[in-house]
Amino acid sequence: MQQTMTQDNAITARQLRPVVITVVAAKLAVFALLMTTINLQAPMPVAIEMAAVR
């Protein structure tokens, strides 16, 4: 009985492995896409920087 449950668990793990890999790859792809679309602050012109310092 115990051996049957162990075999069932191994079969289930083998069947789910491609699903897990796909989900992880999709999450990494979405993360990479979001990181490339972050709006970074535009560099301030020198005159504005000098006025901000004063």
Protein backbone atom coordinates (compact mmCIF):
# COMPACT_ATOMS: atom_id res chain seq x y z
CA MET A 1 0.00 0.00 0.00
CA GLN A 2 2.76 2.45 0.95
CA GLN A 3 4.69 1.63 -2.23
CA THR A 4 1.60 2.33 -4.35
CA MET A 5 1.18 5.76 -2.76
CA THR A 6 4.86 6.53 -3.33
CA GLN A 7 4.57 5.52 -6.97
CA ASP A 8 1.43 7.63 -7.38
CA ASN A 9 3.23 10.64 -5.92
CA ALA A 10 6.19 10.13 -8.26
CA ILE A 11 3.89 9.85 -11.28
CA THR A 12 2.01 13.01 -10.26
CA ALA A 13 5.26 14.91 -9.75
CA ARG A 14 6.48 13.82 -13.19
CA GLN A 15 3.23 14.95 -14.80
CA LEU A 16 3.27 18.35 -13.10
CA ARG A 17 6.91 19.16 -13.86
CA PRO A 18 6.21 20.68 -17.34
CA VAL A 19 3.39 22.79 -15.86
CA VAL A 20 5.64 24.13 -13.12
CA ILE A 21 8.43 24.90 -15.60
CA THR A 22 5.96 26.72 -17.86
CA VAL A 23 4.56 28.81 -15.01
CA VAL A 24 8.02 29.78 -13.76
CA ALA A 25 9.15 30.70 -17.29
CA ALA A 26 6.01 32.80 -17.81
CA LYS A 27 6.56 34.63 -14.52
CA LEU A 28 10.16 35.38 -15.49
CA ALA A 29 9.05 36.64 -18.90
CA VAL A 30 6.44 38.95 -17.37
CA PHE A 31 8.96 40.22 -14.82
CA ALA A 32 11.48 40.94 -17.59
CA LEU A 33 8.85 42.74 -19.65
CA LEU A 34 7.79 44.87 -16.71
CA MET A 35 11.39 45.71 -15.85
CA THR A 36 12.02 46.95 -19.39
CA THR A 37 8.99 49.22 -19.34
CA ILE A 38 9.74 51.05 -16.07
CA ASN A 39 9.63 54.80 -16.56
CA LEU A 40 12.89 56.19 -15.27
CA GLN A 41 13.08 59.83 -14.30
CA ALA A 42 14.35 61.95 -17.18
CA PRO A 43 17.66 63.67 -16.49
CA MET A 44 17.20 67.24 -15.32
CA PRO A 45 18.82 70.02 -17.34
CA VAL A 46 21.86 71.62 -15.70
CA ALA A 47 20.10 74.98 -15.14
CA ILE A 48 17.29 73.38 -13.15
CA GLU A 49 19.78 71.38 -11.09
CA MET A 50 21.68 74.55 -10.23
CA ALA A 51 18.45 76.33 -9.24
CA ALA A 52 17.49 73.38 -7.05
CA VAL A 53 20.84 73.52 -5.26
CA ARG A 54 20.43 77.21 -4.43
